[in-house]
Amino acid sequence: MAHVTILGKGNMGQAIAGLVEKGGNTVQLLGSKDVDQPVSGEIVVLAVYYPALREVLAQRADQLAGKVVVDITNPVNMETFDGLVVPTDSSATAELTAALPSSQVIKAFNTNFAATLASGSVGGQPTTVLVAGDDADAKARLTEVIIAGGLRTVDAGSLRRARELEAVGFLQMTLAAGEKISWTGGFAVQN
């Protein structure tokens, strides 16, 4: 059984917490006002907006050392909503990895909407979580939690793939914002 800490009580944090609990694992759900409560999970999901990562690191970087840290952010330019704000040869996850050298950072959940995590399906297909990272054990531990919760996973490759996952996440968000797809939909991956 895994113990997962989720930083962020919004839609994604709540949906991921439900997924974790559905699989028989335990959850610590912390919001921005819970800074006095230390991180207790061996897997920590950063279910916050990209700009909030700086604050999370300032408050909790030491608590994340030695843990599997899951970055779900999409570094979208929220002023213009027309692109990503990280360099074209980088990703939010690469920045996070550099800031947390003692953690096993992986990318996951950023290409999923909260509704599809909660419902377990996208367009009649099981919800699939794409997972990227350089630490095989960290990916395997998160994958076990996701599968136990009833979803599927696809290993998207090394941490270098985080950039492409962020682009897919951004594309999906723009399609939903433009009412071309539903916020309860998204991309389905068929194995």
C-alpha atoms as a PDB file:
ATOM      1  CA  MET A   1       0.000   0.000   0.000  1.00  0.00           C
ATOM      2  CA  ALA A   2       1.235   3.470  -0.873  1.00  0.00           C
ATOM      3  CA  HIS A   3       0.765   6.670   1.071  1.00  0.00           C
ATOM      4  CA  VAL A   4       0.330   9.639  -1.270  1.00  0.00           C
ATOM      5  CA  THR A   5       0.457  13.311  -0.359  1.00  0.00           C
ATOM      6  CA  ILE A   6      -1.361  15.648  -2.728  1.00  0.00           C
ATOM      7  CA  LEU A   7      -0.490  19.326  -2.567  1.00  0.00           C
ATOM      8  CA  GLY A   8      -3.528  21.133  -3.935  1.00  0.00           C
ATOM      9  CA  LYS A   9      -7.202  20.756  -3.028  1.00  0.00           C
ATOM     10  CA  GLY A  10      -8.650  21.899  -6.357  1.00  0.00           C
ATOM     11  CA  ASN A  11     -10.455  19.757  -8.956  1.00  0.00           C
ATOM     12  CA  MET A  12      -7.328  17.826  -9.935  1.00  0.00           C
ATOM     13  CA  GLY A  13      -6.188  17.301  -6.355  1.00  0.00           C
ATOM     14  CA  GLN A  14      -9.631  16.006  -5.381  1.00  0.00           C
ATOM     15  CA  ALA A  15      -9.852  13.725  -8.437  1.00  0.00           C
ATOM     16  CA  ILE A  16      -6.391  12.253  -7.856  1.00  0.00           C
ATOM     17  CA  ALA A  17      -7.171  11.767  -4.151  1.00  0.00           C
ATOM     18  CA  GLY A  18     -10.310   9.835  -5.110  1.00  0.00           C
ATOM     19  CA  LEU A  19      -8.313   7.693  -7.524  1.00  0.00           C
ATOM     20  CA  VAL A  20      -5.689   6.907  -4.878  1.00  0.00           C
ATOM     21  CA  GLU A  21      -8.293   5.989  -2.254  1.00  0.00           C
ATOM     22  CA  LYS A  22     -10.295   3.912  -4.748  1.00  0.00           C
ATOM     23  CA  GLY A  23      -7.210   1.744  -5.177  1.00  0.00           C
ATOM     24  CA  GLY A  24      -6.946   1.095  -1.432  1.00  0.00           C
ATOM     25  CA  ASN A  25      -4.062   3.497  -0.850  1.00  0.00           C
ATOM     26  CA  THR A  26      -3.997   6.334   1.659  1.00  0.00           C
ATOM     27  CA  VAL A  27      -4.014  10.065   0.964  1.00  0.00           C
ATOM     28  CA  GLN A  28      -2.854  13.192   2.718  1.00  0.00           C
ATOM     29  CA  LEU A  29      -4.518  16.145   0.987  1.00  0.00           C
ATOM     30  CA  LEU A  30      -2.918  19.512   1.751  1.00  0.00           C
ATOM     31  CA  GLY A  31      -3.954  22.954   0.552  1.00  0.00           C
ATOM     32  CA  SER A  32      -2.060  26.222   0.464  1.00  0.00           C
ATOM     33  CA  LYS A  33      -3.177  27.042   4.011  1.00  0.00           C
ATOM     34  CA  ASP A  34      -1.806  23.760   5.415  1.00  0.00           C
ATOM     35  CA  VAL A  35       1.869  24.816   5.379  1.00  0.00           C
ATOM     36  CA  ASP A  36       2.242  23.829   9.039  1.00  0.00           C
ATOM     37  CA  GLN A  37       1.481  20.187   8.194  1.00  0.00           C
ATOM     38  CA  PRO A  38       4.527  18.301   6.903  1.00  0.00           C
ATOM     39  CA  VAL A  39       4.392  16.084   3.839  1.00  0.00           C
ATOM     40  CA  SER A  40       3.984  12.453   4.952  1.00  0.00           C
ATOM     41  CA  GLY A  41       3.578  10.521   1.687  1.00  0.00           C
ATOM     42  CA  GLU A  42       6.343   8.692  -0.135  1.00  0.00           C
ATOM     43  CA  ILE A  43       4.692   9.817  -3.380  1.00  0.00           C
ATOM     44  CA  VAL A  44       3.882  13.538  -3.578  1.00  0.00           C
ATOM     45  CA  VAL A  45       1.603  14.904  -6.292  1.00  0.00           C
ATOM     46  CA  LEU A  46       1.967  18.618  -7.033  1.00  0.00           C
ATOM     47  CA  ALA A  47      -1.634  19.376  -8.039  1.00  0.00           C
ATOM     48  CA  VAL A  48      -1.058  23.114  -8.326  1.00  0.00           C
ATOM     49  CA  TYR A  49      -0.869  25.636 -11.148  1.00  0.00           C
ATOM     50  CA  TYR A  50       2.574  26.094 -12.659  1.00  0.00           C
ATOM     51  CA  PRO A  51       3.161  29.566 -11.118  1.00  0.00           C
ATOM     52  CA  ALA A  52       2.563  28.076  -7.637  1.00  0.00           C
ATOM     53  CA  LEU A  53       5.546  25.711  -7.966  1.00  0.00           C
ATOM     54  CA  ARG A  54       7.930  28.435  -6.721  1.00  0.00           C
ATOM     55  CA  GLU A  55       5.929  28.848  -3.531  1.00  0.00           C
ATOM     56  CA  VAL A  56       5.670  25.087  -3.016  1.00  0.00           C
ATOM     57  CA  LEU A  57       9.441  24.751  -3.413  1.00  0.00           C
ATOM     58  CA  ALA A  58      10.107  27.656  -1.043  1.00  0.00           C
ATOM     59  CA  GLN A  59       7.893  26.070   1.616  1.00  0.00           C
ATOM     60  CA  ARG A  60       8.506  22.344   1.129  1.00  0.00           C
ATOM     61  CA  ALA A  61      11.628  21.536  -0.937  1.00  0.00           C
ATOM     62  CA  ASP A  62      13.346  19.916   2.056  1.00  0.00           C
ATOM     63  CA  GLN A  63      10.242  17.758   2.702  1.00  0.00           C
ATOM     64  CA  LEU A  64      10.338  16.459  -0.889  1.00  0.00           C
ATOM     65  CA  ALA A  65      13.893  15.078  -0.696  1.00  0.00           C
ATOM     66  CA  GLY A  66      13.987  11.322  -1.291  1.00  0.00           C
ATOM     67  CA  LYS A  67      10.368  11.200  -2.438  1.00  0.00           C
ATOM     68  CA  VAL A  68       8.692  10.477  -5.760  1.00  0.00           C
ATOM     69  CA  VAL A  69       7.411  13.886  -6.866  1.00  0.00           C
ATOM     70  CA  VAL A  70       4.704  13.946  -9.538  1.00  0.00           C
ATOM     71  CA  ASP A  71       4.445  17.141 -11.590  1.00  0.00           C
ATOM     72  CA  ILE A  72       0.995  17.601 -13.147  1.00  0.00           C
ATOM     73  CA  THR A  73       1.497  21.213 -14.245  1.00  0.00           C
ATOM     74  CA  ASN A  74       1.115  22.701 -17.686  1.00  0.00           C
ATOM     75  CA  PRO A  75       3.221  25.891 -17.918  1.00  0.00           C
ATOM     76  CA  VAL A  76       0.623  27.835 -19.897  1.00  0.00           C
ATOM     77  CA  ASN A  77       0.873  31.576 -20.468  1.00  0.00           C
ATOM     78  CA  MET A  78      -2.316  32.460 -18.592  1.00  0.00           C
ATOM     79  CA  GLU A  79      -2.291  36.096 -19.759  1.00  0.00           C
ATOM     80  CA  THR A  80      -2.456  35.286 -23.468  1.00  0.00           C
ATOM     81  CA  PHE A  81      -3.378  31.568 -23.378  1.00  0.00           C
ATOM     82  CA  ASP A  82      -1.369  31.182 -26.585  1.00  0.00           C
ATOM     83  CA  GLY A  83       1.648  29.124 -25.583  1.00  0.00           C
ATOM     84  CA  LEU A  84       3.884  27.618 -22.954  1.00  0.00           C
ATOM     85  CA  VAL A  85       6.142  29.842 -20.842  1.00  0.00           C
ATOM     86  CA  VAL A  86       9.145  27.511 -20.589  1.00  0.00           C
ATOM     87  CA  PRO A  87      11.967  27.479 -23.176  1.00  0.00           C
ATOM     88  CA  THR A  88      11.298  25.279 -26.216  1.00  0.00           C
ATOM     89  CA  ASP A  89      14.039  22.869 -25.177  1.00  0.00           C
ATOM     90  CA  SER A  90      12.755  22.511 -21.601  1.00  0.00           C
ATOM     91  CA  SER A  91       9.650  21.804 -19.519  1.00  0.00           C
ATOM     92  CA  ALA A  92       8.144  22.641 -16.156  1.00  0.00           C
ATOM     93  CA  THR A  93       9.201  19.172 -15.085  1.00  0.00           C
ATOM     94  CA  ALA A  94      12.827  19.777 -16.108  1.00  0.00           C
ATOM     95  CA  GLU A  95      12.827  22.959 -14.013  1.00  0.00           C
ATOM     96  CA  LEU A  96      11.366  21.054 -11.080  1.00  0.00           C
ATOM     97  CA  THR A  97      13.929  18.279 -11.450  1.00  0.00           C
ATOM     98  CA  ALA A  98      16.771  20.818 -11.307  1.00  0.00           C
ATOM     99  CA  ALA A  99      15.262  22.345  -8.153  1.00  0.00           C
ATOM    100  CA  LEU A 100      14.801  18.944  -6.462  1.00  0.00           C
ATOM    101  CA  PRO A 101      18.006  16.968  -7.133  1.00  0.00           C
ATOM    102  CA  SER A 102      17.302  14.528  -4.262  1.00  0.00           C
ATOM    103  CA  SER A 103      13.796  13.636  -5.489  1.00  0.00           C
ATOM    104  CA  GLN A 104      12.602  11.298  -8.238  1.00  0.00           C
ATOM    105  CA  VAL A 105      10.525  13.684 -10.369  1.00  0.00           C
ATOM    106  CA  ILE A 106       8.077  12.326 -12.917  1.00  0.00           C
ATOM    107  CA  LYS A 107       5.399  13.844 -15.143  1.00  0.00           C
ATOM    108  CA  ALA A 108       1.840  12.498 -15.059  1.00  0.00           C
ATOM    109  CA  PHE A 109      -1.833  13.549 -15.035  1.00  0.00           C
ATOM    110  CA  ASN A 110      -1.210  16.776 -16.999  1.00  0.00           C
ATOM    111  CA  THR A 111      -2.949  15.410 -20.111  1.00  0.00           C
ATOM    112  CA  ASN A 112      -6.058  14.409 -18.137  1.00  0.00           C
ATOM    113  CA  PHE A 113      -8.997  16.493 -17.025  1.00  0.00           C
ATOM    114  CA  ALA A 114     -10.274  16.004 -13.471  1.00  0.00           C
ATOM    115  CA  ALA A 115     -13.618  14.694 -14.741  1.00  0.00           C
ATOM    116  CA  THR A 116     -11.978  11.872 -16.703  1.00  0.00           C
ATOM    117  CA  LEU A 117      -9.872  10.872 -13.705  1.00  0.00           C
ATOM    118  CA  ALA A 118     -13.002  10.744 -11.555  1.00  0.00           C
ATOM    119  CA  SER A 119     -15.198   8.942 -14.093  1.00  0.00           C
ATOM    120  CA  GLY A 120     -12.484   6.563 -15.280  1.00  0.00           C
ATOM    121  CA  SER A 121     -13.363   7.008 -18.946  1.00  0.00           C
ATOM    122  CA  VAL A 122     -12.857   9.236 -21.964  1.00  0.00           C
ATOM    123  CA  GLY A 123     -15.254   8.774 -24.864  1.00  0.00           C
ATOM    124  CA  GLY A 124     -16.076   5.217 -23.863  1.00  0.00           C
ATOM    125  CA  GLN A 125     -12.401   4.302 -23.430  1.00  0.00           C
ATOM    126  CA  PRO A 126     -10.737   3.786 -20.035  1.00  0.00           C
ATOM    127  CA  THR A 127      -8.884   6.902 -18.867  1.00  0.00           C
ATOM    128  CA  THR A 128      -5.179   6.529 -19.593  1.00  0.00           C
ATOM    129  CA  VAL A 129      -2.534   8.444 -17.668  1.00  0.00           C
ATOM    130  CA  LEU A 130       0.670   9.154 -19.573  1.00  0.00           C
ATOM    131  CA  VAL A 131       3.748   8.887 -17.331  1.00  0.00           C
ATOM    132  CA  ALA A 132       7.236  10.185 -18.168  1.00  0.00           C
ATOM    133  CA  GLY A 133      10.382  10.050 -16.080  1.00  0.00           C
ATOM    134  CA  ASP A 134      13.932   8.818 -15.801  1.00  0.00           C
ATOM    135  CA  ASP A 135      13.506   6.704 -12.649  1.00  0.00           C
ATOM    136  CA  ALA A 136      11.938   3.338 -13.517  1.00  0.00           C
ATOM    137  CA  ASP A 137      11.127   2.534  -9.881  1.00  0.00           C
ATOM    138  CA  ALA A 138       9.367   5.876  -9.372  1.00  0.00           C
ATOM    139  CA  LYS A 139       7.268   5.342 -12.505  1.00  0.00           C
ATOM    140  CA  ALA A 140       6.435   1.796 -11.405  1.00  0.00           C
ATOM    141  CA  ARG A 141       5.312   2.961  -7.952  1.00  0.00           C
ATOM    142  CA  LEU A 142       3.005   5.613  -9.398  1.00  0.00           C
ATOM    143  CA  THR A 143       1.740   3.218 -12.072  1.00  0.00           C
ATOM    144  CA  GLU A 144       0.731   0.715  -9.373  1.00  0.00           C
ATOM    145  CA  VAL A 145      -1.327   3.400  -7.623  1.00  0.00           C
ATOM    146  CA  ILE A 146      -3.020   4.474 -10.875  1.00  0.00           C
ATOM    147  CA  ILE A 147      -3.849   0.917 -11.971  1.00  0.00           C
ATOM    148  CA  ALA A 148      -5.142   0.032  -8.484  1.00  0.00           C
ATOM    149  CA  GLY A 149      -7.525   2.989  -8.859  1.00  0.00           C
ATOM    150  CA  GLY A 150      -8.959   1.471 -12.051  1.00  0.00           C
ATOM    151  CA  LEU A 151      -7.198   3.519 -14.741  1.00  0.00           C
ATOM    152  CA  ARG A 152      -4.631   2.596 -17.364  1.00  0.00           C
ATOM    153  CA  THR A 153      -1.153   3.989 -17.848  1.00  0.00           C
ATOM    154  CA  VAL A 154       1.233   4.321 -20.753  1.00  0.00           C
ATOM    155  CA  ASP A 155       4.943   4.819 -20.171  1.00  0.00           C
ATOM    156  CA  ALA A 156       5.612   7.916 -22.284  1.00  0.00           C
ATOM    157  CA  GLY A 157       9.371   7.540 -21.967  1.00  0.00           C
ATOM    158  CA  SER A 158      12.093   9.568 -20.335  1.00  0.00           C
ATOM    159  CA  LEU A 159      11.711  12.894 -18.605  1.00  0.00           C
ATOM    160  CA  ARG A 160      12.606  14.548 -21.929  1.00  0.00           C
ATOM    161  CA  ARG A 161       9.054  13.655 -23.053  1.00  0.00           C
ATOM    162  CA  ALA A 162       7.591  15.992 -20.418  1.00  0.00           C
ATOM    163  CA  ARG A 163       7.823  18.838 -22.937  1.00  0.00           C
ATOM    164  CA  GLU A 164       5.615  16.972 -25.403  1.00  0.00           C
ATOM    165  CA  LEU A 165       3.175  15.992 -22.657  1.00  0.00           C
ATOM    166  CA  GLU A 166       2.912  19.662 -21.649  1.00  0.00           C
ATOM    167  CA  ALA A 167       2.196  20.592 -25.272  1.00  0.00           C
ATOM    168  CA  VAL A 168      -0.548  17.945 -25.473  1.00  0.00           C
ATOM    169  CA  GLY A 169      -1.998  19.158 -22.166  1.00  0.00           C
ATOM    170  CA  PHE A 170      -2.003  22.750 -23.445  1.00  0.00           C
ATOM    171  CA  LEU A 171      -3.631  21.742 -26.746  1.00  0.00           C
ATOM    172  CA  GLN A 172      -6.353  19.856 -24.914  1.00  0.00           C
ATOM    173  CA  MET A 173      -6.999  22.867 -22.647  1.00  0.00           C
ATOM    174  CA  THR A 174      -7.288  25.247 -25.615  1.00  0.00           C
ATOM    175  CA  LEU A 175      -9.710  22.897 -27.361  1.00  0.00           C
ATOM    176  CA  ALA A 176     -11.903  22.724 -24.262  1.00  0.00           C
ATOM    177  CA  ALA A 177     -11.727  26.491 -23.681  1.00  0.00           C
ATOM    178  CA  GLY A 178     -12.734  26.976 -27.328  1.00  0.00           C
ATOM    179  CA  GLU A 179     -15.650  24.555 -26.818  1.00  0.00           C
ATOM    180  CA  LYS A 180     -14.315  22.139 -29.440  1.00  0.00           C
ATOM    181  CA  ILE A 181     -14.221  19.361 -26.836  1.00  0.00           C
ATOM    182  CA  SER A 182     -15.834  19.028 -23.430  1.00  0.00           C
ATOM    183  CA  TRP A 183     -14.044  19.528 -20.105  1.00  0.00           C
ATOM    184  CA  THR A 184     -15.374  16.036 -19.345  1.00  0.00           C
ATOM    185  CA  GLY A 185     -13.663  14.657 -22.456  1.00  0.00           C
ATOM    186  CA  GLY A 186     -10.179  14.759 -23.819  1.00  0.00           C
ATOM    187  CA  PHE A 187      -7.857  12.490 -25.703  1.00  0.00           C
ATOM    188  CA  ALA A 188      -8.238   8.731 -25.334  1.00  0.00           C
ATOM    189  CA  VAL A 189      -5.349   6.324 -25.767  1.00  0.00           C
ATOM    190  CA  GLN A 190      -6.153   2.850 -26.979  1.00  0.00           C
ATOM    191  CA  ASN A 191      -3.614   0.110 -26.252  1.00  0.00           C
END
